[in-house]
Amino acid sequence: MQHGHSTKSRRIISQRVADRLLETLRPTRHLLTRSLAEIPMGGPEYRQIDRVVREIDRLAEILIGDGTHFY
């Protein structure tokens, strides 16, 4: 049962850890997005890399409330 607490007040990961995690993922996401430009669209590799990039963005949304953090 929720008691009017915001999502941020129920944070499981500290802001410091969230920031470190996202900064660690930054170069990986960058490499993945660059790889998308070099492989055929629609293939299994493309779809999986795209999915990982979207999951990293979703993690940023969950951790800091900004799904465009890496843009």
N, C-alpha and C. Protein backbone atom coordinates (compact mmCIF):
# COMPACT_ATOMS: atom_id res chain seq x y z
N MET A 1 0.84 -1.18 0.00
CA MET A 1 0.00 0.00 0.00
C MET A 1 0.88 1.24 0.00
N GLN A 2 0.63 2.15 -0.89
CA GLN A 2 1.40 3.39 -0.95
C GLN A 2 0.85 4.38 0.06
N HIS A 3 1.75 5.16 0.62
CA HIS A 3 1.35 6.13 1.62
C HIS A 3 1.70 7.54 1.21
N GLY A 4 1.60 7.85 -0.07
CA GLY A 4 1.85 9.21 -0.53
C GLY A 4 3.31 9.57 -0.67
N HIS A 5 4.19 8.59 -0.56
CA HIS A 5 5.61 8.86 -0.71
C HIS A 5 5.97 8.91 -2.19
N SER A 6 6.85 9.82 -2.53
CA SER A 6 7.28 9.89 -3.92
C SER A 6 8.22 8.75 -4.23
N THR A 7 8.42 8.50 -5.53
CA THR A 7 9.34 7.45 -5.95
C THR A 7 10.74 7.74 -5.43
N LYS A 8 11.16 9.00 -5.47
CA LYS A 8 12.51 9.35 -5.02
C LYS A 8 12.71 9.04 -3.55
N SER A 9 11.67 9.16 -2.73
CA SER A 9 11.84 8.89 -1.31
C SER A 9 11.99 7.39 -1.04
N ARG A 10 11.63 6.55 -2.00
CA ARG A 10 11.77 5.10 -1.85
C ARG A 10 12.96 4.58 -2.62
N ARG A 11 13.90 5.44 -2.94
CA ARG A 11 15.08 5.08 -3.73
C ARG A 11 15.84 3.94 -3.05
N ILE A 12 16.18 2.94 -3.83
CA ILE A 12 16.96 1.81 -3.33
C ILE A 12 18.45 2.07 -3.53
N ILE A 13 18.80 2.66 -4.66
CA ILE A 13 20.19 2.97 -4.97
C ILE A 13 20.43 4.44 -4.65
N SER A 14 21.52 4.73 -3.96
CA SER A 14 21.83 6.12 -3.63
C SER A 14 22.13 6.91 -4.89
N GLN A 15 21.98 8.22 -4.80
CA GLN A 15 22.26 9.09 -5.93
C GLN A 15 23.71 8.95 -6.38
N ARG A 16 24.62 8.81 -5.43
CA ARG A 16 26.04 8.67 -5.75
C ARG A 16 26.29 7.40 -6.56
N VAL A 17 25.69 6.31 -6.14
CA VAL A 17 25.85 5.04 -6.87
C VAL A 17 25.18 5.13 -8.24
N ALA A 18 24.00 5.73 -8.31
CA ALA A 18 23.31 5.89 -9.59
C ALA A 18 24.16 6.69 -10.57
N ASP A 19 24.73 7.79 -10.09
CA ASP A 19 25.59 8.61 -10.95
C ASP A 19 26.80 7.83 -11.44
N ARG A 20 27.43 7.09 -10.56
CA ARG A 20 28.61 6.30 -10.95
C ARG A 20 28.23 5.22 -11.96
N LEU A 21 27.11 4.58 -11.74
CA LEU A 21 26.65 3.54 -12.65
C LEU A 21 26.39 4.11 -14.03
N LEU A 22 25.70 5.23 -14.11
CA LEU A 22 25.39 5.82 -15.40
C LEU A 22 26.65 6.32 -16.10
N GLU A 23 27.58 6.88 -15.37
CA GLU A 23 28.83 7.33 -15.99
C GLU A 23 29.66 6.16 -16.49
N THR A 24 29.57 5.03 -15.81
CA THR A 24 30.26 3.83 -16.27
C THR A 24 29.63 3.29 -17.55
N LEU A 25 28.31 3.42 -17.67
CA LEU A 25 27.60 2.94 -18.85
C LEU A 25 27.74 3.87 -20.05
N ARG A 26 28.11 5.12 -19.82
CA ARG A 26 28.19 6.11 -20.90
C ARG A 26 29.05 5.63 -22.08
N PRO A 27 30.30 5.19 -21.87
CA PRO A 27 31.11 4.77 -23.03
C PRO A 27 30.55 3.53 -23.72
N THR A 28 29.93 2.65 -22.97
CA THR A 28 29.33 1.45 -23.57
C THR A 28 28.18 1.84 -24.47
N ARG A 29 27.31 2.73 -23.98
CA ARG A 29 26.18 3.18 -24.80
C ARG A 29 26.67 3.89 -26.05
N HIS A 30 27.70 4.69 -25.90
CA HIS A 30 28.26 5.41 -27.04
C HIS A 30 28.77 4.43 -28.11
N LEU A 31 29.51 3.43 -27.68
CA LEU A 31 30.02 2.42 -28.61
C LEU A 31 28.88 1.66 -29.29
N LEU A 32 27.86 1.33 -28.53
CA LEU A 32 26.71 0.62 -29.10
C LEU A 32 26.00 1.46 -30.15
N THR A 33 25.78 2.73 -29.85
CA THR A 33 25.07 3.57 -30.82
C THR A 33 25.91 3.78 -32.08
N ARG A 34 27.20 3.89 -31.93
CA ARG A 34 28.08 4.01 -33.11
C ARG A 34 28.05 2.71 -33.93
N SER A 35 27.95 1.59 -33.26
CA SER A 35 27.90 0.29 -33.95
C SER A 35 26.62 0.17 -34.78
N LEU A 36 25.53 0.75 -34.31
CA LEU A 36 24.27 0.67 -35.05
C LEU A 36 24.40 1.28 -36.44
N ALA A 37 25.24 2.28 -36.59
CA ALA A 37 25.42 2.93 -37.89
C ALA A 37 26.20 2.07 -38.87
N GLU A 38 26.86 1.04 -38.36
CA GLU A 38 27.74 0.24 -39.20
C GLU A 38 27.20 -1.14 -39.54
N ILE A 39 26.05 -1.50 -39.01
CA ILE A 39 25.51 -2.83 -39.28
C ILE A 39 24.14 -2.70 -39.94
N PRO A 40 23.74 -3.72 -40.68
CA PRO A 40 22.45 -3.65 -41.38
C PRO A 40 21.27 -3.52 -40.42
N MET A 41 20.38 -2.60 -40.74
CA MET A 41 19.17 -2.42 -39.93
C MET A 41 18.29 -3.66 -40.01
N GLY A 42 17.67 -3.98 -38.91
CA GLY A 42 16.69 -5.05 -38.89
C GLY A 42 17.25 -6.43 -38.61
N GLY A 43 18.57 -6.58 -38.72
CA GLY A 43 19.18 -7.87 -38.43
C GLY A 43 19.18 -8.15 -36.94
N PRO A 44 19.50 -9.39 -36.56
CA PRO A 44 19.46 -9.75 -35.14
C PRO A 44 20.46 -8.93 -34.29
N GLU A 45 21.63 -8.65 -34.86
CA GLU A 45 22.61 -7.86 -34.12
C GLU A 45 22.08 -6.44 -33.89
N TYR A 46 21.52 -5.86 -34.93
CA TYR A 46 20.98 -4.50 -34.84
C TYR A 46 19.87 -4.44 -33.78
N ARG A 47 18.96 -5.37 -33.86
CA ARG A 47 17.83 -5.37 -32.92
C ARG A 47 18.31 -5.52 -31.48
N GLN A 48 19.26 -6.39 -31.25
CA GLN A 48 19.73 -6.61 -29.88
C GLN A 48 20.51 -5.41 -29.35
N ILE A 49 21.37 -4.83 -30.18
CA ILE A 49 22.12 -3.65 -29.76
C ILE A 49 21.15 -2.50 -29.46
N ASP A 50 20.17 -2.31 -30.33
CA ASP A 50 19.17 -1.27 -30.12
C ASP A 50 18.43 -1.50 -28.80
N ARG A 51 18.12 -2.74 -28.52
CA ARG A 51 17.42 -3.06 -27.28
C ARG A 51 18.28 -2.72 -26.06
N VAL A 52 19.55 -3.03 -26.11
CA VAL A 52 20.44 -2.72 -25.00
C VAL A 52 20.53 -1.21 -24.79
N VAL A 53 20.64 -0.46 -25.87
CA VAL A 53 20.67 1.01 -25.77
C VAL A 53 19.39 1.52 -25.12
N ARG A 54 18.26 1.01 -25.55
CA ARG A 54 16.98 1.44 -24.96
C ARG A 54 16.89 1.06 -23.48
N GLU A 55 17.44 -0.10 -23.12
CA GLU A 55 17.43 -0.52 -21.71
C GLU A 55 18.33 0.39 -20.87
N ILE A 56 19.46 0.81 -21.40
CA ILE A 56 20.33 1.75 -20.69
C ILE A 56 19.59 3.07 -20.47
N ASP A 57 18.90 3.53 -21.50
CA ASP A 57 18.11 4.77 -21.36
C ASP A 57 16.99 4.60 -20.34
N ARG A 58 16.37 3.45 -20.34
CA ARG A 58 15.30 3.18 -19.36
C ARG A 58 15.87 3.14 -17.95
N LEU A 59 17.06 2.59 -17.79
CA LEU A 59 17.70 2.58 -16.47
C LEU A 59 17.96 4.00 -16.00
N ALA A 60 18.42 4.85 -16.90
CA ALA A 60 18.61 6.26 -16.54
C ALA A 60 17.30 6.89 -16.09
N GLU A 61 16.22 6.58 -16.78
CA GLU A 61 14.90 7.09 -16.41
C GLU A 61 14.52 6.64 -14.99
N ILE A 62 14.78 5.39 -14.69
CA ILE A 62 14.44 4.85 -13.37
C ILE A 62 15.32 5.46 -12.29
N LEU A 63 16.62 5.55 -12.56
CA LEU A 63 17.57 5.99 -11.54
C LEU A 63 17.52 7.49 -11.27
N ILE A 64 17.39 8.29 -12.33
CA ILE A 64 17.49 9.74 -12.13
C ILE A 64 16.31 10.51 -12.73
N GLY A 65 15.37 9.77 -13.29
CA GLY A 65 14.18 10.43 -13.84
C GLY A 65 14.41 11.11 -15.18
N ASP A 66 15.48 10.72 -15.88
CA ASP A 66 15.80 11.35 -17.15
C ASP A 66 16.23 10.30 -18.17
N GLY A 67 15.29 9.89 -19.00
CA GLY A 67 15.59 8.90 -20.04
C GLY A 67 16.43 9.45 -21.17
N THR A 68 16.63 10.76 -21.19
CA THR A 68 17.46 11.38 -22.24
C THR A 68 18.83 11.78 -21.67
N HIS A 69 19.20 11.25 -20.56
CA HIS A 69 20.45 11.58 -19.88
C HIS A 69 21.67 11.51 -20.80
N PHE A 70 21.71 10.54 -21.70
CA PHE A 70 22.88 10.33 -22.54
C PHE A 70 22.81 11.08 -23.87
N TYR A 71 21.75 11.77 -24.16
CA TYR A 71 21.61 12.43 -25.47
C TYR A 71 22.50 13.63 -25.56
